[in-house]
């Protein structure tokens, strides 16, 4: 027998080709990305103390300037981190236990967009999901997603109450309410009709009052619950050609704080958590023709990013706020600045010309 080893031709797999893009590398660089990286490096307490340990491993003396700076910075980051934890505990109280198998989740406007993503995500995890929306979904698609859809105009109190009775009968008492439904009319105040303004407030604002009156009693009876209010950063700012939308979202900010105050004084509502969602411009059909003037300071937010923040708080059983991109967290500071600076900031950001510019590009 021959002792020669049989050779087998081998061809290594080809490297996956990346999709070609004409955009330069800095096109994908945003202030949110910079802040995210800093938050897990320079501004992270654990990483700060690792630097101290590394210096000590090099036999750096405690009296050395670099060691004093590193220790001082680490202590500062630790104090800020502890302060944030204590502040959240004082503001929102202890978390509640959440078991998705025992929760019934109601999502308004949950056929597509952010609400649709939330519904599908929880559906894949075999949670009890009920979606209220005017849009319809065929039975096979609903079963595949694991979501129960109820055709309902959330601006109509009678339809919401009728849908609620079906949900209680089909799934059980609702314990998580995600008020996500919303519409927008990109028109100026003079161009808007009374019917359009009324419709915007009925869907964006009044529907929240209706769903709260309908579903909150079930949560109080169960002694637990979570209410998610989806507002918008435009509720703080206002913008040209978005007057009715901005006004309806601003009302939700006041509603959220009023709700928190009332729950704090309602017996049996200690385990009912509240979450305020304040997205910037999302990459959805609602604002597909509105172009952000600065991709670095005001990047588009994907529904997946917003959904991740909402799901995280809901499943931790915590109250809190979800605000993306970065400027959404600190936009209230703008109102504290002198009016002249506010005016310059609005003009520089292109906030009041974004809708008009989007129309021109569409043409």
Protein backbone atom coordinates (compact mmCIF):
# COMPACT_ATOMS: atom_id res chain seq x y z
CA UNK A 1 0.00 0.00 0.00
CA UNK A 2 1.20 3.46 -0.84
CA UNK A 3 1.94 5.69 2.11
CA UNK A 4 1.33 8.86 0.10
CA UNK A 5 -1.18 11.17 1.67
CA UNK A 6 -4.10 12.02 -0.54
CA UNK A 7 -4.37 15.73 -1.13
CA UNK A 8 -7.75 17.44 -1.18
CA UNK A 9 -8.06 20.78 -2.94
CA UNK A 10 -9.11 23.50 -0.54
CA UNK A 11 -10.43 26.92 -1.34
CA UNK A 12 -10.88 29.30 1.58
CA UNK A 13 -14.22 31.08 1.75
CA UNK A 14 -14.33 34.49 0.18
CA UNK A 15 -14.60 37.46 2.42
CA UNK A 16 -18.06 38.90 2.57
CA UNK A 17 -18.25 41.97 0.43
CA UNK A 18 -19.41 45.05 2.27
CA UNK A 19 -22.10 47.10 0.61
CA UNK A 20 -20.54 49.97 -1.25
CA UNK A 21 -21.36 53.44 -0.01
CA UNK A 22 -20.43 56.82 -1.36
CA UNK A 23 -20.74 58.39 2.09
CA UNK A 24 -17.45 59.25 3.81
CA UNK A 25 -16.58 57.63 7.14
CA UNK A 26 -17.44 60.74 9.14
CA UNK A 27 -20.99 60.54 7.78
CA UNK A 28 -21.68 57.90 10.44
CA UNK A 29 -20.03 59.84 13.26
CA UNK A 30 -22.55 61.47 15.61
CA UNK A 31 -22.38 63.15 18.99
CA UNK A 32 -24.47 60.26 20.36
CA UNK A 33 -21.79 57.78 19.29
CA UNK A 34 -19.05 59.92 20.86
CA UNK A 35 -21.03 60.23 24.10
CA UNK A 36 -21.75 56.49 24.14
CA UNK A 37 -18.07 55.64 23.83
CA UNK A 38 -17.08 58.17 26.50
CA UNK A 39 -19.78 56.83 28.81
CA UNK A 40 -18.20 53.38 28.76
CA UNK A 41 -14.62 54.62 29.00
CA UNK A 42 -13.60 57.99 30.40
CA UNK A 43 -16.83 58.61 32.33
CA UNK A 44 -17.33 55.06 33.62
CA UNK A 45 -16.44 54.53 37.32
CA UNK A 46 -15.18 50.98 36.79
CA UNK A 47 -12.85 51.99 33.94
CA UNK A 48 -11.64 54.98 35.96
CA UNK A 49 -10.60 52.74 38.85
CA UNK A 50 -8.93 50.33 36.41
CA UNK A 51 -6.67 53.20 35.38
CA UNK A 52 -5.76 53.72 39.04
CA UNK A 53 -4.94 50.02 39.43
CA UNK A 54 -2.83 50.08 36.27
CA UNK A 55 -0.83 53.04 37.56
CA UNK A 56 -0.34 51.29 40.87
CA UNK A 57 0.76 48.13 39.06
CA UNK A 58 3.54 50.24 37.59
CA UNK A 59 4.59 51.21 41.13
CA UNK A 60 3.35 54.78 40.65
CA UNK A 61 3.47 56.54 44.00
CA UNK A 62 0.27 57.84 45.53
CA UNK A 63 1.90 61.27 45.76
CA UNK A 64 2.54 61.40 42.01
CA UNK A 65 0.42 63.99 40.12
CA UNK A 66 -0.94 61.43 37.64
CA UNK A 67 -2.02 59.13 40.49
CA UNK A 68 -3.76 61.96 42.34
CA UNK A 69 -5.56 63.02 39.17
CA UNK A 70 -6.65 59.44 38.42
CA UNK A 71 -7.90 58.84 41.98
CA UNK A 72 -9.70 62.18 42.07
CA UNK A 73 -11.39 61.50 38.72
CA UNK A 74 -12.40 57.98 39.79
CA UNK A 75 -13.93 59.28 43.01
CA UNK A 76 -15.83 61.97 41.10
CA UNK A 77 -17.24 59.42 38.61
CA UNK A 78 -18.22 57.12 41.48
CA UNK A 79 -20.01 59.91 43.35
CA UNK A 80 -21.90 60.95 40.20
CA UNK A 81 -22.90 57.33 39.55
CA UNK A 82 -24.12 56.79 43.12
CA UNK A 83 -25.97 60.11 43.04
CA UNK A 84 -27.79 59.04 39.87
CA UNK A 85 -28.87 55.74 41.45
CA UNK A 86 -30.10 57.45 44.64
CA UNK A 87 -31.87 60.16 42.62
CA UNK A 88 -33.76 57.60 40.54
CA UNK A 89 -34.72 55.65 43.66
CA UNK A 90 -36.10 58.80 45.31
CA UNK A 91 -37.96 59.87 42.17
CA UNK A 92 -39.32 56.52 40.98
CA UNK A 93 -39.22 54.23 44.00
CA UNK A 94 -38.27 50.53 44.00
CA UNK A 95 -38.87 48.46 40.88
CA UNK A 96 -41.73 45.98 40.58
CA UNK A 97 -41.41 42.34 39.61
CA UNK A 98 -42.30 41.72 35.97
CA UNK A 99 -43.11 38.27 34.59
CA UNK A 100 -44.19 38.53 30.94
CA UNK A 101 -46.25 35.35 31.21
CA UNK A 102 -48.43 37.09 33.81
CA UNK A 103 -48.65 40.46 32.06
CA UNK A 104 -51.16 41.63 29.46
CA UNK A 105 -49.68 44.32 27.21
CA UNK A 106 -51.87 46.79 25.29
CA UNK A 107 -50.24 48.86 22.53
CA UNK A 108 -52.06 51.60 20.66
CA UNK A 109 -50.97 52.20 17.08
CA UNK A 110 -49.13 48.88 17.09
CA UNK A 111 -49.42 47.74 13.47
CA UNK A 112 -46.29 49.47 12.17
CA UNK A 113 -43.58 51.89 13.24
CA UNK A 114 -42.38 51.88 16.84
CA UNK A 115 -45.58 50.28 18.12
CA UNK A 116 -45.37 47.53 15.53
CA UNK A 117 -41.79 46.73 16.49
CA UNK A 118 -42.71 46.55 20.18
CA UNK A 119 -45.68 44.29 19.44
CA UNK A 120 -43.66 41.90 17.27
CA UNK A 121 -40.81 41.77 19.80
CA UNK A 122 -43.09 40.83 22.66
CA UNK A 123 -45.04 38.49 20.37
CA UNK A 124 -41.86 36.52 19.63
CA UNK A 125 -41.39 36.15 23.38
CA UNK A 126 -44.86 34.63 23.81
CA UNK A 127 -46.19 37.57 25.83
CA UNK A 128 -49.89 38.43 25.86
CA UNK A 129 -50.10 41.29 23.34
CA UNK A 130 -53.19 43.26 22.32
CA UNK A 131 -52.87 45.95 19.64
CA UNK A 132 -55.43 48.71 19.10
CA UNK A 133 -55.19 50.23 15.63
CA UNK A 134 -57.40 51.34 12.74
CA UNK A 135 -55.20 49.37 10.35
CA UNK A 136 -56.05 45.72 9.94
CA UNK A 137 -53.82 42.63 9.92
CA UNK A 138 -54.96 39.32 8.44
CA UNK A 139 -55.46 36.38 10.76
CA UNK A 140 -52.50 34.32 9.50
CA UNK A 141 -50.05 37.19 9.92
CA UNK A 142 -51.39 37.91 13.42
CA UNK A 143 -50.96 34.27 14.46
CA UNK A 144 -47.44 34.19 13.03
CA UNK A 145 -46.50 37.28 15.05
CA UNK A 146 -48.22 36.02 18.21
CA UNK A 147 -50.21 39.26 18.52
CA UNK A 148 -53.96 39.80 18.90
CA UNK A 149 -55.17 42.79 16.87
CA UNK A 150 -58.33 44.76 17.59
CA UNK A 151 -59.47 47.23 14.96
CA UNK A 152 -60.23 50.33 16.97
CA UNK A 153 -60.15 54.11 16.69
CA UNK A 154 -58.34 55.06 19.90
CA UNK A 155 -59.82 58.54 19.64
CA UNK A 156 -63.31 57.09 20.10
CA UNK A 157 -64.06 56.32 23.76
CA UNK A 158 -66.84 53.83 22.97
CA UNK A 159 -64.62 51.81 20.63
CA UNK A 160 -61.81 51.72 23.20
CA UNK A 161 -64.16 50.55 25.94
CA UNK A 162 -65.58 47.84 23.65
CA UNK A 163 -62.07 46.67 22.72
CA UNK A 164 -61.06 46.67 26.38
CA UNK A 165 -63.93 44.33 27.25
CA UNK A 166 -62.76 41.92 24.53
CA UNK A 167 -59.15 42.09 25.75
CA UNK A 168 -60.15 41.28 29.32
CA UNK A 169 -62.23 38.36 28.07
CA UNK A 170 -59.56 37.06 25.64
CA UNK A 171 -56.30 37.72 27.49
CA UNK A 172 -57.09 38.99 30.97
CA UNK A 173 -56.83 42.35 32.79
CA UNK A 174 -54.29 44.66 31.09
CA UNK A 175 -51.24 45.48 33.22
CA UNK A 176 -48.98 47.26 30.70
CA UNK A 177 -50.28 50.12 28.54
CA UNK A 178 -48.12 51.62 25.79
CA UNK A 179 -49.82 54.74 24.43
CA UNK A 180 -48.05 55.02 21.09
CA UNK A 181 -50.71 55.99 18.52
CA UNK A 182 -50.06 59.24 16.72
CA UNK A 183 -50.62 61.16 13.49
CA UNK A 184 -49.16 64.32 12.01
CA UNK A 185 -50.30 67.01 9.58
CA UNK A 186 -47.36 69.00 8.21
CA UNK A 187 -49.26 72.22 7.69
CA UNK A 188 -48.99 75.75 9.00
CA UNK A 189 -51.56 77.15 11.41
CA UNK A 190 -53.30 79.07 8.63
CA UNK A 191 -53.36 76.08 6.28
CA UNK A 192 -54.68 73.64 8.91
CA UNK A 193 -58.39 72.93 8.94
CA UNK A 194 -60.44 72.59 12.12
CA UNK A 195 -61.04 68.92 11.31
CA UNK A 196 -57.29 68.22 10.99
CA UNK A 197 -56.44 69.92 14.27
CA UNK A 198 -59.28 68.11 16.05
CA UNK A 199 -58.17 64.77 14.60
CA UNK A 200 -54.56 65.35 15.69
CA UNK A 201 -55.56 66.09 19.28
CA UNK A 202 -58.11 63.28 19.34
CA UNK A 203 -55.53 60.66 18.32
CA UNK A 204 -52.38 62.09 19.90
CA UNK A 205 -53.75 63.44 23.18
CA UNK A 206 -57.38 62.67 24.00
CA UNK A 207 -56.80 58.97 23.29
CA UNK A 208 -54.40 58.88 26.25
CA UNK A 209 -57.13 60.13 28.58
CA UNK A 210 -59.50 57.52 27.15
CA UNK A 211 -57.09 54.58 27.52
CA UNK A 212 -56.09 55.66 31.01
CA UNK A 213 -59.70 55.86 32.17
CA UNK A 214 -60.34 52.46 30.60
CA UNK A 215 -57.26 50.43 31.57
CA UNK A 216 -55.92 52.08 34.73
CA UNK A 217 -58.72 50.70 36.96
CA UNK A 218 -57.63 47.16 35.97
CA UNK A 219 -54.04 47.94 37.01
CA UNK A 220 -55.16 49.36 40.35
CA UNK A 221 -57.28 46.27 40.94
CA UNK A 222 -54.28 44.04 40.09
CA UNK A 223 -51.99 46.18 42.26
CA UNK A 224 -49.36 46.48 39.51
CA UNK A 225 -48.84 47.98 36.10
CA UNK A 226 -46.75 50.08 33.74
CA UNK A 227 -47.92 53.03 31.65
CA UNK A 228 -45.78 54.22 28.74
CA UNK A 229 -46.49 57.69 27.33
CA UNK A 230 -44.93 58.34 23.91
CA UNK A 231 -44.49 62.09 23.53
CA UNK A 232 -41.89 63.92 21.43
CA UNK A 233 -38.99 66.31 21.85
CA UNK A 234 -41.07 68.71 19.73
CA UNK A 235 -43.39 69.03 22.70
CA UNK A 236 -40.65 71.14 24.30
CA UNK A 237 -39.68 73.06 21.18
CA UNK A 238 -42.58 73.62 18.83
CA UNK A 239 -41.79 73.93 15.12
CA UNK A 240 -43.08 75.68 12.03
CA UNK A 241 -45.62 73.68 10.00
CA UNK A 242 -46.03 71.20 12.86
CA UNK A 243 -48.13 73.32 15.20
CA UNK A 244 -50.95 70.86 15.94
CA UNK A 245 -48.55 67.94 16.35
CA UNK A 246 -46.23 69.87 18.68
CA UNK A 247 -49.12 71.17 20.76
CA UNK A 248 -50.64 67.69 21.12
CA UNK A 249 -47.27 66.24 22.22
CA UNK A 250 -46.65 69.11 24.65
CA UNK A 251 -49.96 68.26 26.30
CA UNK A 252 -48.69 64.72 26.87
CA UNK A 253 -45.74 66.03 28.89
CA UNK A 254 -48.14 67.72 31.32
CA UNK A 255 -50.39 64.66 31.31
CA UNK A 256 -47.49 62.38 32.23
CA UNK A 257 -46.49 64.51 35.22
CA UNK A 258 -50.11 64.86 36.33
CA UNK A 259 -50.54 61.10 36.08
CA UNK A 260 -47.48 60.51 38.26
CA UNK A 261 -48.82 62.96 40.85
CA UNK A 262 -52.22 61.29 40.95
CA UNK A 263 -50.78 57.78 41.19
CA UNK A 264 -48.63 58.90 44.13
CA UNK A 265 -51.84 59.80 45.98
CA UNK A 266 -53.92 56.79 44.90
CA UNK A 267 -54.15 53.85 47.33
CA UNK A 268 -53.07 50.60 45.70
CA UNK A 269 -51.13 52.32 42.92
CA UNK A 270 -47.67 52.02 44.50
CA UNK A 271 -46.66 49.28 42.04
CA UNK A 272 -47.83 51.17 38.93
CA UNK A 273 -44.83 52.52 37.03
CA UNK A 274 -44.74 55.32 34.46
CA UNK A 275 -42.37 55.80 31.53
CA UNK A 276 -42.09 58.95 29.43
CA UNK A 277 -40.72 58.50 25.90
CA UNK A 278 -39.32 61.58 24.14
CA UNK A 279 -37.85 60.67 20.76
CA UNK A 280 -36.25 63.08 18.36
CA UNK A 281 -36.86 62.50 14.67
CA UNK A 282 -37.41 58.79 14.05
CA UNK A 283 -36.78 57.01 10.77
CA UNK A 284 -40.43 56.13 10.22
CA UNK A 285 -42.96 56.93 7.50
CA UNK A 286 -44.46 59.71 9.61
CA UNK A 287 -41.46 62.00 9.11
CA UNK A 288 -39.82 60.43 6.05
CA UNK A 289 -39.92 63.74 4.13
CA UNK A 290 -38.48 65.81 7.00
CA UNK A 291 -34.70 65.92 6.81
CA UNK A 292 -32.57 66.54 9.89
CA UNK A 293 -30.35 69.62 9.27
CA UNK A 294 -27.40 68.22 11.26
CA UNK A 295 -26.66 64.50 11.26
CA UNK A 296 -23.90 64.99 13.82
CA UNK A 297 -25.89 66.85 16.51
CA UNK A 298 -29.37 65.64 15.52
CA UNK A 299 -29.11 62.13 14.05
CA UNK A 300 -32.13 60.09 13.08
CA UNK A 301 -33.30 57.61 15.71
CA UNK A 302 -34.38 54.15 14.62
CA UNK A 303 -37.50 52.51 16.11
CA UNK A 304 -35.22 49.68 17.27
CA UNK A 305 -33.19 52.08 19.44
CA UNK A 306 -36.33 53.54 21.04
CA UNK A 307 -37.88 50.09 21.51
CA UNK A 308 -34.74 48.84 23.24
CA UNK A 309 -34.94 51.62 25.83
CA UNK A 310 -38.66 51.09 26.43
CA UNK A 311 -38.37 47.32 26.78
CA UNK A 312 -35.45 47.67 29.17
CA UNK A 313 -37.41 49.86 31.60
CA UNK A 314 -40.66 47.89 31.25
CA UNK A 315 -39.05 44.55 32.01
CA UNK A 316 -36.98 45.93 34.88
CA UNK A 317 -40.22 47.15 36.41
CA UNK A 318 -38.89 50.70 36.68
CA UNK A 319 -40.27 54.14 36.01
CA UNK A 320 -38.14 56.56 34.05
CA UNK A 321 -37.61 58.37 30.78
CA UNK A 322 -36.41 57.24 27.36
CA UNK A 323 -35.00 60.16 25.36
CA UNK A 324 -32.99 59.75 22.15
CA UNK A 325 -30.90 61.14 20.54
CA UNK A 326 -28.66 62.85 23.09
CA UNK A 327 -30.08 66.35 22.71
CA UNK A 328 -33.54 65.06 23.66
CA UNK A 329 -32.34 64.52 27.25
CA UNK A 330 -31.17 68.09 27.73
CA UNK A 331 -33.44 70.09 25.42
CA UNK A 332 -35.21 71.70 28.38
CA UNK A 333 -31.99 73.60 29.11
CA UNK A 334 -32.64 75.61 25.94
CA UNK A 335 -35.63 77.25 27.60
CA UNK A 336 -33.41 78.55 30.40
CA UNK A 337 -31.15 80.44 28.00
CA UNK A 338 -31.65 84.09 26.97
CA UNK A 339 -34.14 84.54 24.14
CA UNK A 340 -31.45 85.79 21.79
CA UNK A 341 -29.45 82.57 22.20
CA UNK A 342 -32.61 80.51 21.78
CA UNK A 343 -33.33 82.33 18.53
CA UNK A 344 -29.80 81.73 17.22
CA UNK A 345 -29.97 78.06 18.20
CA UNK A 346 -33.28 77.56 16.39
CA UNK A 347 -32.00 79.24 13.23
CA UNK A 348 -28.71 77.34 13.32
CA UNK A 349 -30.47 73.98 13.85
CA UNK A 350 -32.85 74.51 10.92
CA UNK A 351 -35.74 73.34 13.10
CA UNK A 352 -38.29 75.73 11.61
CA UNK A 353 -37.34 75.12 7.98
CA UNK A 354 -37.00 71.32 8.06
CA UNK A 355 -40.58 70.62 6.90
CA UNK A 356 -40.46 73.20 4.10
CA UNK A 357 -37.08 71.98 2.89
CA UNK A 358 -38.39 68.42 2.90
CA UNK A 359 -41.31 69.46 0.71
CA UNK A 360 -38.99 71.16 -1.76
CA UNK A 361 -36.75 68.08 -1.99
CA UNK A 362 -39.79 65.88 -2.48
CA UNK A 363 -40.82 67.99 -5.48
